Amino acid sequence: MMRILLFLATNIAIMVAITIIFNVLGLQGALDANGVNLNLSGLLAMSAVIGMTGSAISLFMSKWSAKHAMGVHVIEQPQNQTEQWLLNVVAGHAGRAGIGMPEVGIFDAREPNAFATGASRNHALVAVSTVLLSTMNADQVEAVLGHEISHVSNGDMVTMALMQGVVNTFVYFFASIIGYLVDRLVFKTERGYGPAYYVTQLIAQIVLSILASMLVMWFSRHREFRADAGGAQLAGKQKMISALQALQRSQEPQMPSEFSAFGINGGGVWRLFMSHPPLEERIEALKSNR
């Protein structure tokens, strides 16, 4: 809860700072002088409501969405030794990480993978795929679970959701300004909003969202290094390296970014849109203790 309050306070401070900058630079006055009747402060506040609301809804529905999208079987009463072992390992990691016991689940997939999600550190879900359990040894699975528990203890799901909310806020804000300027100055709409506003605003949102996603993915890649380091502390560095090497040997398609635990290799411009660093970089980071 403290993380959410601190981040929201930071977002409010950013909005206040930007409003002050608008006033100091005289941007509002310049728009008014050119006949562009646009309330920047009001637009920024409305954009924040739109941007943060969608992100907050996504965060609070994340466990429910993951369970249904991935077909997760949550272990409530272990039916075999594997399920009991999974619960024991997660409980041990959670205790050492200082978080509440997450729900633990298994899902069917054609590749070895895992994910963690949830609205808070003490109400999370950690799930592994059946293929991961069948292709990795116990030490490697233990390391993967440590990686996921580190995501939870680091508050990564909350931080990423709130960061996405901030990004959504500014995408909508600047897209609206672009749409309004084109509608007023180019197409000379005098009252209300003409068709040019809606078309331009939509195109601007698409373009700005693509550009903004590079920032979000950059942050996501850095959180993966932190989660690897956390997994190494919980399970052991060699176990974490071995798990990454096992994934490197597999030929896995990437899961949806909000549920994926490990990324595939990539290069060129596509690297900017990768939610996870290449596996060789993650292995090297662990070996060099970065």
Protein backbone atom coordinates (compact mmCIF):
# COMPACT_ATOMS: atom_id res chain seq x y z
CA MET A 1 0.00 0.00 0.00
CA MET A 2 2.85 2.39 0.83
CA ARG A 3 4.34 1.80 -2.64
CA ILE A 4 1.01 2.71 -4.27
CA LEU A 5 0.56 5.83 -2.13
CA LEU A 6 4.12 6.98 -2.79
CA PHE A 7 3.79 6.46 -6.52
CA LEU A 8 0.43 8.25 -6.65
CA ALA A 9 1.93 11.13 -4.68
CA THR A 10 4.79 11.27 -7.17
CA ASN A 11 2.33 11.35 -10.07
CA ILE A 12 0.40 14.21 -8.46
CA ALA A 13 3.65 16.09 -7.91
CA ILE A 14 4.55 15.60 -11.58
CA MET A 15 1.16 16.95 -12.67
CA VAL A 16 1.54 19.99 -10.40
CA ALA A 17 5.07 20.61 -11.69
CA ILE A 18 3.96 20.41 -15.31
CA THR A 19 1.07 22.79 -14.63
CA ILE A 20 3.52 25.27 -13.11
CA ILE A 21 5.80 24.90 -16.14
CA PHE A 22 2.86 25.59 -18.46
CA ASN A 23 2.15 28.79 -16.55
CA VAL A 24 5.78 29.92 -16.35
CA LEU A 25 6.35 29.37 -20.08
CA GLY A 26 3.06 31.06 -20.90
CA LEU A 27 1.85 28.13 -23.01
CA GLN A 28 -1.76 28.61 -21.95
CA GLY A 29 -1.59 32.29 -22.89
CA ALA A 30 -0.01 31.50 -26.25
CA LEU A 31 -2.81 29.07 -27.07
CA ASP A 32 -5.47 31.58 -26.05
CA ALA A 33 -3.83 34.31 -28.15
CA ASN A 34 -4.02 32.07 -31.21
CA GLY A 35 -7.66 31.27 -30.66
CA VAL A 36 -6.99 27.78 -29.33
CA ASN A 37 -9.30 27.55 -26.33
CA LEU A 38 -7.70 24.58 -24.60
CA ASN A 39 -7.44 24.24 -20.82
CA LEU A 40 -4.13 22.43 -20.37
CA SER A 41 -4.50 21.89 -16.61
CA GLY A 42 -7.98 20.47 -17.02
CA LEU A 43 -6.88 18.26 -19.90
CA LEU A 44 -3.94 16.95 -17.86
CA ALA A 45 -6.22 16.07 -14.94
CA MET A 46 -8.71 14.32 -17.24
CA SER A 47 -5.87 12.45 -18.95
CA ALA A 48 -4.60 11.25 -15.56
CA VAL A 49 -8.04 9.91 -14.64
CA ILE A 50 -8.32 8.08 -17.97
CA GLY A 51 -4.74 6.77 -17.94
CA MET A 52 -4.61 5.66 -14.32
CA THR A 53 -8.11 4.16 -14.19
CA GLY A 54 -7.43 1.66 -16.97
CA SER A 55 -4.11 0.67 -15.43
CA ALA A 56 -5.63 0.29 -11.96
CA ILE A 57 -8.46 -1.90 -13.26
CA SER A 58 -5.93 -4.08 -15.08
CA LEU A 59 -3.84 -4.43 -11.91
CA PHE A 60 -6.73 -5.41 -9.64
CA MET A 61 -8.07 -7.89 -12.20
CA SER A 62 -4.62 -9.34 -12.93
CA LYS A 63 -4.98 -12.55 -10.90
CA TRP A 64 -8.47 -13.27 -12.23
CA SER A 65 -7.37 -12.51 -15.79
CA ALA A 66 -4.27 -14.68 -15.51
CA LYS A 67 -6.17 -17.64 -14.12
CA HIS A 68 -8.71 -17.54 -16.93
CA ALA A 69 -6.38 -16.56 -19.79
CA MET A 70 -3.76 -19.16 -18.95
CA GLY A 71 -6.11 -21.83 -17.60
CA VAL A 72 -4.30 -21.96 -14.26
CA HIS A 73 -5.12 -24.79 -11.86
CA VAL A 74 -4.61 -23.31 -8.39
CA ILE A 75 -3.29 -25.81 -5.86
CA GLU A 76 -5.63 -25.66 -2.90
CA GLN A 77 -5.17 -29.19 -1.61
CA PRO A 78 -2.07 -30.88 -3.08
CA GLN A 79 -2.98 -34.03 -4.99
CA ASN A 80 0.54 -35.42 -5.42
CA GLN A 81 4.14 -35.01 -4.30
CA THR A 82 4.93 -32.48 -7.03
CA GLU A 83 2.15 -30.14 -5.95
CA GLN A 84 3.17 -30.48 -2.29
CA TRP A 85 6.79 -29.78 -3.21
CA LEU A 86 5.78 -26.66 -5.17
CA LEU A 87 3.84 -25.34 -2.17
CA ASN A 88 6.77 -26.02 0.14
CA VAL A 89 9.31 -24.28 -2.12
CA VAL A 90 7.10 -21.23 -2.64
CA ALA A 91 6.38 -21.02 1.08
CA GLY A 92 10.10 -21.13 1.85
CA HIS A 93 10.92 -18.44 -0.72
CA ALA A 94 8.03 -16.25 0.42
CA GLY A 95 9.10 -16.52 4.05
CA ARG A 96 12.68 -15.51 3.25
CA ALA A 97 11.48 -12.68 1.02
CA GLY A 98 9.16 -11.38 3.75
CA ILE A 99 5.90 -11.57 1.80
CA GLY A 100 2.60 -13.36 2.31
CA MET A 101 2.15 -16.84 0.87
CA PRO A 102 1.06 -16.48 -2.78
CA GLU A 103 -1.43 -18.73 -4.48
CA VAL A 104 0.42 -21.42 -6.42
CA GLY A 105 -0.81 -22.80 -9.73
CA ILE A 106 0.04 -24.95 -12.73
CA PHE A 107 -1.01 -24.29 -16.32
CA ASP A 108 -0.72 -26.21 -19.56
CA ALA A 109 1.58 -24.73 -22.19
CA ARG A 110 3.78 -25.88 -25.03
CA GLU A 111 6.87 -24.20 -23.60
CA PRO A 112 8.65 -24.01 -20.22
CA ASN A 113 7.53 -20.82 -18.55
CA ALA A 114 6.21 -19.24 -15.37
CA PHE A 115 4.72 -15.98 -14.21
CA ALA A 116 3.77 -13.99 -11.14
CA THR A 117 0.92 -11.51 -10.89
CA GLY A 118 -1.31 -9.85 -8.33
CA ALA A 119 -2.35 -6.49 -6.97
CA SER A 120 -0.07 -6.59 -3.92
CA ARG A 121 2.93 -8.35 -2.39
CA ASN A 122 0.74 -10.32 0.01
CA HIS A 123 -1.98 -11.35 -2.45
CA ALA A 124 -0.09 -12.68 -5.45
CA LEU A 125 -0.24 -15.68 -7.74
CA VAL A 126 2.78 -17.69 -8.88
CA ALA A 127 2.27 -20.29 -11.61
CA VAL A 128 4.47 -22.63 -13.62
CA SER A 129 3.80 -24.51 -16.83
CA THR A 130 3.54 -28.29 -17.00
CA VAL A 131 6.34 -28.37 -19.56
CA LEU A 132 8.63 -26.46 -17.22
CA LEU A 133 7.99 -29.04 -14.50
CA SER A 134 8.65 -31.93 -16.89
CA THR A 135 11.80 -30.54 -18.57
CA MET A 136 13.63 -28.90 -15.67
CA ASN A 137 15.17 -30.52 -12.63
CA ALA A 138 14.20 -29.60 -9.08
CA ASP A 139 17.04 -27.09 -8.62
CA GLN A 140 16.10 -25.24 -11.81
CA VAL A 141 12.40 -25.10 -10.91
CA GLU A 142 13.35 -23.85 -7.46
CA ALA A 143 15.34 -21.02 -9.08
CA VAL A 144 12.48 -20.11 -11.43
CA LEU A 145 10.14 -19.91 -8.44
CA GLY A 146 12.70 -17.73 -6.66
CA HIS A 147 12.74 -15.42 -9.69
CA GLU A 148 8.96 -15.10 -9.58
CA ILE A 149 8.85 -14.56 -5.82
CA SER A 150 11.43 -11.78 -6.31
CA HIS A 151 9.09 -10.11 -8.78
CA VAL A 152 6.42 -10.18 -6.09
CA SER A 153 8.65 -8.99 -3.25
CA ASN A 154 10.05 -6.19 -5.44
CA GLY A 155 6.50 -4.99 -6.13
CA ASP A 156 7.10 -5.25 -9.86
CA MET A 157 3.47 -5.83 -10.83
CA VAL A 158 2.32 -2.71 -8.98
CA THR A 159 5.21 -0.60 -10.24
CA MET A 160 4.73 -1.66 -13.85
CA ALA A 161 0.99 -1.04 -13.70
CA LEU A 162 1.45 2.42 -12.24
CA MET A 163 4.19 3.25 -14.71
CA GLN A 164 1.89 2.18 -17.53
CA GLY A 165 -0.77 4.45 -16.06
CA VAL A 166 1.58 7.43 -16.14
CA VAL A 167 2.57 6.62 -19.72
CA ASN A 168 -1.09 6.30 -20.72
CA THR A 169 -1.78 9.67 -19.10
CA PHE A 170 0.79 11.52 -21.17
CA VAL A 171 -0.04 9.64 -24.36
CA TYR A 172 -3.67 10.73 -24.08
CA PHE A 173 -2.66 14.25 -23.03
CA PHE A 174 -0.32 14.96 -25.93
CA ALA A 175 -2.50 13.11 -28.45
CA SER A 176 -5.41 15.33 -27.43
CA ILE A 177 -3.33 18.48 -27.85
CA ILE A 178 -2.17 17.38 -31.30
CA GLY A 179 -5.71 16.51 -32.34
CA TYR A 180 -7.04 19.83 -31.06
CA LEU A 181 -4.35 21.90 -32.79
CA VAL A 182 -4.85 20.13 -36.12
CA ASP A 183 -8.61 20.53 -35.85
CA ARG A 184 -8.44 24.24 -34.94
CA LEU A 185 -5.43 25.51 -36.90
CA VAL A 186 -5.46 23.30 -39.99
CA PHE A 187 -9.14 22.50 -40.51
CA LYS A 188 -10.37 25.75 -38.91
CA THR A 189 -13.07 24.18 -36.75
CA GLU A 190 -14.51 27.04 -34.70
CA ARG A 191 -16.74 25.29 -32.17
CA GLY A 192 -16.66 21.90 -30.52
CA TYR A 193 -14.64 19.11 -32.07
CA GLY A 194 -14.60 18.37 -35.77
CA PRO A 195 -13.92 14.98 -37.39
CA ALA A 196 -10.25 15.96 -37.79
CA TYR A 197 -9.84 16.05 -34.01
CA TYR A 198 -10.99 12.47 -33.48
CA VAL A 199 -9.03 11.07 -36.45
CA THR A 200 -5.83 12.92 -35.57
CA GLN A 201 -6.13 12.16 -31.87
CA LEU A 202 -6.54 8.44 -32.58
CA ILE A 203 -3.55 8.35 -34.93
CA ALA A 204 -1.46 10.33 -32.44
CA GLN A 205 -2.40 7.92 -29.63
CA ILE A 206 -1.26 4.95 -31.71
CA VAL A 207 2.06 6.55 -32.64
CA LEU A 208 2.77 7.90 -29.16
CA SER A 209 1.80 4.57 -27.56
CA ILE A 210 4.33 2.76 -29.72
CA LEU A 211 7.05 5.22 -28.73
CA ALA A 212 6.05 5.14 -25.06
CA SER A 213 6.09 1.34 -25.00
CA MET A 214 9.85 1.46 -25.59
CA LEU A 215 10.23 3.24 -22.25
CA VAL A 216 8.00 0.73 -20.48
CA MET A 217 9.89 -2.21 -22.02
CA TRP A 218 13.24 -0.66 -21.05
CA PHE A 219 12.07 -0.56 -17.44
CA SER A 220 10.74 -4.11 -17.72
CA ARG A 221 14.11 -5.40 -18.91
CA HIS A 222 15.84 -3.84 -15.90
CA ARG A 223 13.38 -5.44 -13.49
CA GLU A 224 14.26 -8.85 -14.94
CA PHE A 225 17.90 -8.44 -13.91
CA ARG A 226 16.72 -7.59 -10.39
CA ALA A 227 14.43 -10.62 -10.30
CA ASP A 228 17.26 -12.87 -11.49
CA ALA A 229 19.48 -11.52 -8.72
CA GLY A 230 16.69 -12.11 -6.22
CA GLY A 231 16.16 -15.64 -7.49
CA ALA A 232 19.88 -16.26 -7.09
CA GLN A 233 19.73 -15.10 -3.47
CA LEU A 234 16.72 -17.26 -2.67
CA ALA A 235 17.70 -20.45 -4.50
CA GLY A 236 21.42 -20.05 -5.21
CA LYS A 237 23.32 -18.41 -8.06
CA GLN A 238 24.28 -21.64 -9.82
CA LYS A 239 20.69 -22.86 -9.74
CA MET A 240 19.51 -19.57 -11.28
CA ILE A 241 22.16 -19.73 -14.00
CA SER A 242 21.28 -23.35 -14.70
CA ALA A 243 17.58 -22.45 -15.04
CA LEU A 244 18.36 -19.68 -17.52
CA GLN A 245 20.62 -21.98 -19.49
CA ALA A 246 17.85 -24.59 -19.65
CA LEU A 247 15.50 -21.95 -21.04
CA GLN A 248 18.17 -20.85 -23.48
CA ARG A 249 18.36 -24.38 -24.86
CA SER A 250 14.62 -24.51 -25.42
CA GLN A 251 12.92 -22.99 -28.41
CA GLU A 252 10.10 -21.02 -26.77
CA PRO A 253 7.70 -18.50 -28.27
CA GLN A 254 7.13 -15.47 -26.06
CA MET A 255 4.10 -15.42 -23.78
CA PRO A 256 1.93 -12.32 -23.34
CA SER A 257 4.17 -9.73 -21.68
CA GLU A 258 1.98 -9.37 -18.61
CA PHE A 259 2.31 -13.07 -17.78
CA SER A 260 5.76 -14.00 -19.16
CA ALA A 261 8.63 -14.84 -16.85
CA PHE A 262 11.50 -15.21 -19.27
CA GLY A 263 12.08 -13.55 -22.64
CA ILE A 264 13.45 -14.81 -25.94
CA ASN A 265 16.50 -13.51 -27.71
CA GLY A 266 16.17 -10.66 -30.14
CA GLY A 267 18.08 -7.90 -31.81
CA GLY A 268 17.92 -4.84 -33.96
CA VAL A 269 15.07 -2.43 -33.51
CA TRP A 270 12.89 -5.18 -32.01
CA ARG A 271 15.13 -5.19 -28.97
CA LEU A 272 13.55 -1.86 -27.98
CA PHE A 273 10.19 -3.62 -27.65
CA MET A 274 11.42 -6.68 -25.72
CA SER A 275 10.01 -7.03 -22.21
CA HIS A 276 12.96 -9.25 -21.23
CA PRO A 277 16.68 -9.03 -21.96
CA PRO A 278 18.28 -11.78 -24.08
CA LEU A 279 19.01 -14.84 -21.97
CA GLU A 280 22.76 -14.68 -22.62
CA GLU A 281 22.85 -11.19 -21.08
CA ARG A 282 20.95 -12.35 -18.03
CA ILE A 283 23.30 -15.29 -17.56
CA GLU A 284 26.34 -13.05 -17.96
CA ALA A 285 24.90 -10.56 -15.46
CA LEU A 286 24.60 -13.30 -12.84
CA LYS A 287 28.08 -14.62 -13.55
CA SER A 288 29.56 -11.15 -13.19
CA ASN A 289 27.39 -10.34 -10.13
CA ARG A 290 25.98 -7.18 -11.77
